[in-house]
Amino acid sequence: MVKVDLITGFLGSGKTTFIKKYAKYLIDTGENICILENDFGAVNVDMMLLQELMGDKCELEMVAGGCDEDCHRRRFKTKLISMGMCGYDRVLIEPSGIFDVDEFFDILREEPLDRWYEIGSVYTIVDAGLNTDLSESSRYMLAQQAACAGKIVMSRTQCVSPEKEKETEEFLEKVLAEFQCSRSLEHDIYRKDWNKMNDSDFQELTKSGYRTEKCGKLWMDQREAYTSVYYMNLPIQETELKDAAERILKDKECGKVFRIKGFLKKGDESWLELNITHGQMAVEPIPKGQEVIIVIGEKLNQEKINRYLGK
C-alpha cells in the first residue's frame, strides 16, 4: 500500500520549507514520491516553491481551489483515485493552513482509497515564535491539527529564546485543553534547528505515526473565517513592498493579517520569493515565480490594504 503523510501547520508556520527538506531525504533514500498540494485558494504559490524537487523520483500534483468545501472534497478524493496506480511509495499532502484534519482521515477510509493507501505519519509544524493572540477559530484549527499529529515539529527554534519556545509549547497545551482534548504533547515535540537536521533525524521522524485524539467541535465556515486578497502584476518595488507589508501587519484596520506571501519580479527579470508574517520578513531570490502577492487573514479590509499597496 502507498503511505500517505500529512503535513499540517497554521498559516506561515513553515510547512513548505519542511516538505522540501523531508522530500529530499525520501528521494535520496530511493523512494518514489508525489507531493499533493491541497489548497482552498484559487492561486497556489507553494506549488512554485516545490518545482525544484521534480524529477524521476518526485512528481507534483495539485487539487484546484476556488470552490466550495463539498466540491473541494470531491476533487481531493478524485485526485487520490487518479494517483492510486502511479506506483508511488509515498504521497506527501500539504494542505492549506486552515485545513480540517478530519477530512484527511475520513477520505482515506472511503472506498476504494482504503484499499490503496495507508496513513503514514501526520506532522504539525508550529512556529516556535507563534503569535499567541489568536481568535477562537484559529485556536480551534491549531488544536485540531495538534491533536492528530504523531509529531509536533517546531520551526525557527534558532530564532527565538528558550523562554519564548516554552511559552509557545505551553500555549499549545492550553489550546488543546480549551477544546476538550486530553492529549499531552510532552514527548511528541521535535525541537531541533532545521538547518542541523540530518538523515538520522528524518529517519526517526518517519516513525512518528499519528494520533486519534479528538477535539470538541467548533462550528465555523472556513471561507468566512479566513479570507485572502490577491494582487496580480503589482507594480511595486522591493523596498516599497517591505514597507507596505510592515504597515499592513501593524494596522488593525486592515483586519487580522497572518501572512503575506507571493513573488515579485525585479527590473532585471530575476524573481524574489516573499514570506512575511509578524515574526518574519523573508525576501529571498528564487529561480522562477509568478507575479502575485497574497494577503491572508481574518476579516480583511481590502479597501484599507489597497491603500498601502497603491491600488
Protein backbone atom coordinates (compact mmCIF):
# COMPACT_ATOMS: atom_id res chain seq x y z
CA MET A 1 0.00 0.00 0.00
CA VAL A 2 1.05 3.59 -0.59
CA LYS A 3 1.92 5.51 2.57
CA VAL A 4 0.36 8.94 2.93
CA ASP A 5 1.96 11.58 5.14
CA LEU A 6 0.05 14.72 6.08
CA ILE A 7 1.98 17.90 6.88
CA THR A 8 -0.26 20.41 8.63
CA GLY A 9 0.50 23.72 10.29
CA PHE A 10 -1.04 27.10 10.80
CA LEU A 11 -0.62 29.85 8.22
CA GLY A 12 3.05 30.78 7.75
CA SER A 13 4.42 28.09 10.07
CA GLY A 14 6.91 26.70 7.53
CA LYS A 15 5.13 23.67 6.02
CA THR A 16 6.57 24.09 2.53
CA THR A 17 10.12 24.53 3.83
CA PHE A 18 9.78 21.34 5.90
CA ILE A 19 8.38 19.42 2.92
CA LYS A 20 11.32 20.45 0.74
CA LYS A 21 13.76 19.04 3.29
CA TYR A 22 11.70 15.94 4.06
CA ALA A 23 11.06 15.16 0.38
CA LYS A 24 14.76 15.46 -0.47
CA TYR A 25 15.54 12.91 2.24
CA LEU A 26 12.93 10.48 0.89
CA ILE A 27 14.17 10.91 -2.69
CA ASP A 28 17.78 10.32 -1.60
CA THR A 29 16.72 7.05 0.08
CA GLY A 30 15.21 5.87 -3.22
CA GLU A 31 11.52 6.38 -2.54
CA ASN A 32 9.24 7.30 -5.43
CA ILE A 33 7.08 10.10 -4.06
CA CYS A 34 4.37 12.54 -5.04
CA ILE A 35 3.65 15.83 -3.31
CA LEU A 36 -0.01 16.78 -3.39
CA GLU A 37 -0.82 20.43 -2.79
CA ASN A 38 -4.33 20.65 -1.39
CA ASP A 39 -5.28 24.32 -1.06
CA PHE A 40 -8.60 26.14 -0.84
CA GLY A 41 -7.14 29.17 -2.58
CA ALA A 42 -7.54 29.95 -6.26
CA VAL A 43 -3.77 30.54 -6.62
CA ASN A 44 -1.25 28.10 -5.13
CA VAL A 45 2.05 29.86 -4.50
CA ASP A 46 3.61 26.90 -2.69
CA MET A 47 3.43 24.78 -5.86
CA MET A 48 6.01 27.10 -7.43
CA LEU A 49 8.34 26.69 -4.46
CA LEU A 50 8.45 22.91 -4.88
CA GLN A 51 9.31 22.86 -8.60
CA GLU A 52 12.99 22.20 -7.90
CA LEU A 53 12.11 18.77 -6.45
CA MET A 54 10.52 17.48 -9.64
CA GLY A 55 12.34 14.59 -11.31
CA ASP A 56 12.30 10.84 -11.83
CA LYS A 57 11.59 10.22 -8.14
CA CYS A 58 9.24 13.11 -7.40
CA GLU A 59 6.08 14.41 -9.04
CA LEU A 60 3.87 17.33 -8.04
CA GLU A 61 0.09 17.32 -8.15
CA MET A 62 -2.47 19.90 -7.07
CA VAL A 63 -6.10 19.92 -6.06
CA ALA A 64 -7.55 23.06 -7.60
CA GLY A 65 -9.12 25.50 -5.16
CA GLY A 66 -11.60 28.31 -5.61
CA CYS A 67 -14.71 26.19 -4.97
CA ASP A 68 -16.95 25.29 -2.02
CA GLU A 69 -15.96 22.69 0.58
CA ASP A 70 -18.03 19.81 -0.85
CA CYS A 71 -16.63 20.40 -4.32
CA HIS A 72 -13.12 20.61 -2.93
CA ARG A 73 -13.59 17.33 -1.04
CA ARG A 74 -14.74 15.58 -4.23
CA ARG A 75 -11.75 16.95 -6.12
CA PHE A 76 -9.41 15.76 -3.37
CA LYS A 77 -10.80 12.22 -3.48
CA THR A 78 -10.83 12.12 -7.28
CA LYS A 79 -7.20 13.21 -7.40
CA LEU A 80 -6.16 10.47 -4.96
CA ILE A 81 -8.05 7.88 -7.01
CA SER A 82 -6.28 9.01 -10.20
CA MET A 83 -2.91 8.75 -8.40
CA GLY A 84 -3.60 5.29 -6.97
CA MET A 85 -1.99 3.32 -9.81
CA CYS A 86 1.03 5.55 -10.43
CA GLY A 87 3.50 3.40 -8.49
CA TYR A 88 4.32 5.84 -5.71
CA ASP A 89 5.86 4.60 -2.48
CA ARG A 90 4.63 7.63 -0.57
CA VAL A 91 2.40 10.67 -1.02
CA LEU A 92 3.03 13.87 0.93
CA ILE A 93 -0.02 16.05 1.34
CA GLU A 94 0.38 19.74 2.11
CA PRO A 95 -3.00 21.32 2.83
CA SER A 96 -3.75 24.95 3.46
CA GLY A 97 -3.14 26.31 6.95
CA ILE A 98 -6.88 26.17 7.65
CA PHE A 99 -7.37 22.52 6.68
CA ASP A 100 -9.87 20.35 8.58
CA VAL A 101 -7.77 17.31 9.57
CA ASP A 102 -10.86 15.12 9.95
CA GLU A 103 -11.34 15.39 6.17
CA PHE A 104 -8.00 13.66 5.64
CA PHE A 105 -8.87 10.67 7.81
CA ASP A 106 -12.44 10.42 6.51
CA ILE A 107 -11.48 10.39 2.83
CA LEU A 108 -8.71 7.80 3.23
CA ARG A 109 -11.19 5.46 4.91
CA GLU A 110 -13.56 5.58 1.93
CA GLU A 111 -13.69 3.07 -0.93
CA PRO A 112 -11.54 2.49 -2.94
CA LEU A 113 -8.87 4.59 -1.23
CA ASP A 114 -8.80 2.40 1.86
CA ARG A 115 -7.52 -0.47 -0.33
CA TRP A 116 -4.70 1.55 -1.93
CA TYR A 117 -3.45 3.92 0.76
CA GLU A 118 -2.39 3.69 4.38
CA ILE A 119 -1.74 6.61 6.71
CA GLY A 120 1.95 7.00 7.45
CA SER A 121 2.72 10.00 9.66
CA VAL A 122 0.98 13.23 10.49
CA TYR A 123 3.20 16.21 11.28
CA THR A 124 2.06 19.57 12.60
CA ILE A 125 4.51 22.40 12.01
CA VAL A 126 4.41 25.12 14.67
CA ASP A 127 6.41 28.34 14.62
CA ALA A 128 8.40 28.49 17.85
CA GLY A 129 7.73 32.23 17.86
CA LEU A 130 3.98 31.78 17.38
CA ASN A 131 1.87 34.88 17.89
CA THR A 132 -0.49 33.63 20.59
CA ASP A 133 -3.03 36.42 20.05
CA LEU A 134 -5.36 34.14 18.09
CA SER A 135 -9.11 34.16 17.62
CA GLU A 136 -11.25 31.25 18.81
CA SER A 137 -11.45 29.93 15.23
CA SER A 138 -7.67 29.98 14.86
CA ARG A 139 -7.11 28.34 18.24
CA TYR A 140 -9.53 25.61 17.20
CA MET A 141 -7.72 24.96 13.91
CA LEU A 142 -4.41 24.77 15.78
CA ALA A 143 -5.83 22.39 18.40
CA GLN A 144 -7.37 20.12 15.79
CA GLN A 145 -4.08 19.83 13.90
CA ALA A 146 -2.00 19.23 17.03
CA ALA A 147 -4.41 16.62 18.40
CA CYS A 148 -3.83 14.22 15.48
CA ALA A 149 -0.11 14.76 14.91
CA GLY A 150 2.35 11.99 15.56
CA LYS A 151 4.93 14.70 15.99
CA ILE A 152 4.80 18.45 16.60
CA VAL A 153 7.72 19.88 14.62
CA MET A 154 8.81 23.28 15.87
CA SER A 155 10.11 25.67 13.22
CA ARG A 156 12.53 28.59 13.59
CA THR A 157 13.70 27.43 17.04
CA GLN A 158 17.04 29.10 16.33
CA CYS A 159 15.27 32.47 16.01
CA VAL A 160 13.64 32.63 19.45
CA SER A 161 14.69 32.45 23.07
CA PRO A 162 14.16 29.26 25.11
CA GLU A 163 11.58 31.22 27.12
CA LYS A 164 9.53 32.07 24.02
CA GLU A 165 9.71 28.49 22.77
CA LYS A 166 8.46 27.25 26.13
CA GLU A 167 5.67 29.84 26.04
CA THR A 168 4.58 28.53 22.63
CA GLU A 169 4.56 24.93 23.83
CA GLU A 170 2.53 25.86 26.91
CA PHE A 171 0.09 27.73 24.67
CA LEU A 172 -0.39 24.59 22.58
CA GLU A 173 -1.24 22.60 25.69
CA LYS A 174 -3.75 25.26 26.78
CA VAL A 175 -5.39 25.31 23.35
CA LEU A 176 -5.80 21.53 23.40
CA ALA A 177 -7.38 21.72 26.85
CA GLU A 178 -9.67 24.55 25.73
CA PHE A 179 -11.20 22.24 23.11
CA GLN A 180 -11.54 19.23 25.41
CA CYS A 181 -8.54 17.29 24.13
CA SER A 182 -6.78 15.38 26.90
CA ARG A 183 -3.60 14.78 24.94
CA SER A 184 -0.24 15.78 26.40
CA LEU A 185 2.49 16.84 23.96
CA GLU A 186 5.35 16.32 26.40
CA HIS A 187 7.10 13.53 24.45
CA ASP A 188 5.91 14.41 20.95
CA ILE A 189 7.66 17.71 20.20
CA TYR A 190 10.65 17.90 17.85
CA ARG A 191 12.74 20.99 18.61
CA LYS A 192 15.95 20.72 16.56
CA ASP A 193 17.15 23.57 14.34
CA TRP A 194 16.15 22.51 10.81
CA ASN A 195 19.48 23.69 9.43
CA LYS A 196 21.16 20.99 11.54
CA MET A 197 18.85 18.11 10.67
CA ASN A 198 20.48 15.02 9.15
CA ASP A 199 19.34 11.70 7.68
CA SER A 200 19.01 10.05 11.09
CA ASP A 201 16.66 12.84 12.20
CA PHE A 202 14.39 12.33 9.20
CA GLN A 203 14.55 8.56 9.57
CA GLU A 204 13.28 8.94 13.13
CA LEU A 205 10.54 11.33 12.01
CA THR A 206 9.22 8.77 9.50
CA LYS A 207 8.28 6.63 12.52
CA SER A 208 6.10 9.37 14.05
CA GLY A 209 2.76 7.86 13.04
CA TYR A 210 -0.37 9.71 14.08
CA ARG A 211 -2.80 10.04 16.96
CA THR A 212 -6.54 9.54 17.04
CA GLU A 213 -7.23 12.12 19.73
CA LYS A 214 -10.36 14.21 19.26
CA CYS A 215 -11.19 17.81 19.99
CA GLY A 216 -14.57 19.25 20.79
CA LYS A 217 -16.11 20.58 17.57
CA LEU A 218 -16.42 24.28 16.88
CA TRP A 219 -18.79 25.12 14.06
CA MET A 220 -17.18 27.53 11.65
CA ASP A 221 -17.30 28.42 7.98
CA GLN A 222 -13.64 28.47 6.99
CA ARG A 223 -14.34 30.64 3.98
CA GLU A 224 -15.94 33.29 6.14
CA ALA A 225 -13.46 33.00 9.00
CA TYR A 226 -10.38 33.22 6.75
CA THR A 227 -10.05 35.29 3.62
CA SER A 228 -7.37 36.02 1.05
CA VAL A 229 -6.78 39.12 -1.06
CA TYR A 230 -4.91 38.56 -4.33
CA TYR A 231 -2.83 41.09 -6.25
CA MET A 232 -1.62 40.16 -9.74
CA ASN A 233 1.12 42.05 -11.60
CA LEU A 234 1.51 44.57 -8.80
CA PRO A 235 3.75 47.50 -9.93
CA ILE A 236 5.80 47.86 -6.74
CA GLN A 237 9.48 47.79 -5.79
CA GLU A 238 11.02 45.52 -3.14
CA THR A 239 11.63 48.27 -0.58
CA GLU A 240 8.12 49.66 -1.10
CA LEU A 241 6.57 46.23 -0.64
CA LYS A 242 8.51 45.53 2.56
CA ASP A 243 7.39 48.87 3.99
CA ALA A 244 3.77 48.31 2.93
CA ALA A 245 3.77 44.77 4.39
CA GLU A 246 5.06 46.01 7.73
CA ARG A 247 2.36 48.68 7.87
CA ILE A 248 -0.39 46.23 6.86
CA LEU A 249 0.62 43.79 9.61
CA LYS A 250 0.58 46.57 12.23
CA ASP A 251 -2.63 48.32 11.12
CA LYS A 252 -5.60 46.65 12.82
CA GLU A 253 -7.96 48.38 10.40
CA CYS A 254 -6.60 46.02 7.71
CA GLY A 255 -8.03 43.10 9.66
CA LYS A 256 -6.12 40.35 11.44
CA VAL A 257 -3.39 39.65 8.89
CA PHE A 258 -1.47 36.40 9.41
CA ARG A 259 0.69 36.22 6.33
CA ILE A 260 1.70 37.98 3.12
CA LYS A 261 3.27 35.71 0.53
CA GLY A 262 4.00 35.53 -3.18
CA PHE A 263 6.58 36.56 -5.74
CA LEU A 264 8.00 39.83 -7.01
CA LYS A 265 9.66 40.34 -10.38
CA LYS A 266 12.63 42.70 -10.29
CA GLY A 267 13.72 45.10 -13.00
CA ASP A 268 16.50 42.74 -14.13
CA GLU A 269 13.89 39.99 -14.73
CA SER A 270 15.02 38.00 -11.65
CA TRP A 271 12.50 36.82 -9.04
CA LEU A 272 12.05 37.19 -5.29
CA GLU A 273 10.01 34.93 -3.02
CA LEU A 274 8.09 36.73 -0.26
CA ASN A 275 7.09 35.13 3.02
CA ILE A 276 6.11 37.75 5.59
CA THR A 277 4.49 37.17 8.99
CA HIS A 278 4.51 39.01 12.31
CA GLY A 279 7.72 37.24 13.30
CA GLN A 280 9.48 37.02 9.96
CA MET A 281 10.16 39.10 6.87
CA ALA A 282 11.83 36.73 4.41
CA VAL A 283 12.53 38.01 0.91
CA GLU A 284 14.81 35.64 -0.97
CA PRO A 285 15.88 35.02 -4.59
CA ILE A 286 14.11 32.21 -6.44
CA PRO A 287 14.71 30.89 -9.98
CA LYS A 288 11.14 31.35 -11.16
CA GLY A 289 7.87 32.80 -9.92
CA GLN A 290 4.65 34.41 -10.99
CA GLU A 291 3.58 37.98 -10.33
CA VAL A 292 1.19 37.50 -7.42
CA ILE A 293 1.01 38.80 -3.85
CA ILE A 294 -1.48 37.21 -1.43
CA VAL A 295 -2.60 38.68 1.90
CA ILE A 296 -4.16 36.07 4.22
CA GLY A 297 -6.05 36.67 7.45
CA GLU A 298 -9.34 37.12 9.25
CA LYS A 299 -11.90 39.83 8.48
CA LEU A 300 -9.63 41.55 5.99
CA ASN A 301 -10.41 45.08 4.88
CA GLN A 302 -9.39 45.02 1.22
CA GLU A 303 -10.02 48.72 0.71
CA LYS A 304 -7.59 49.60 3.50
CA ILE A 305 -4.97 47.09 2.28
CA ASN A 306 -5.30 48.52 -1.24
CA ARG A 307 -4.18 51.92 0.01
CA TYR A 308 -0.90 50.54 1.32
CA LEU A 309 -0.22 48.65 -1.92
CA GLY A 310 -1.01 51.61 -4.16
CA LYS A 311 -4.21 50.21 -5.62
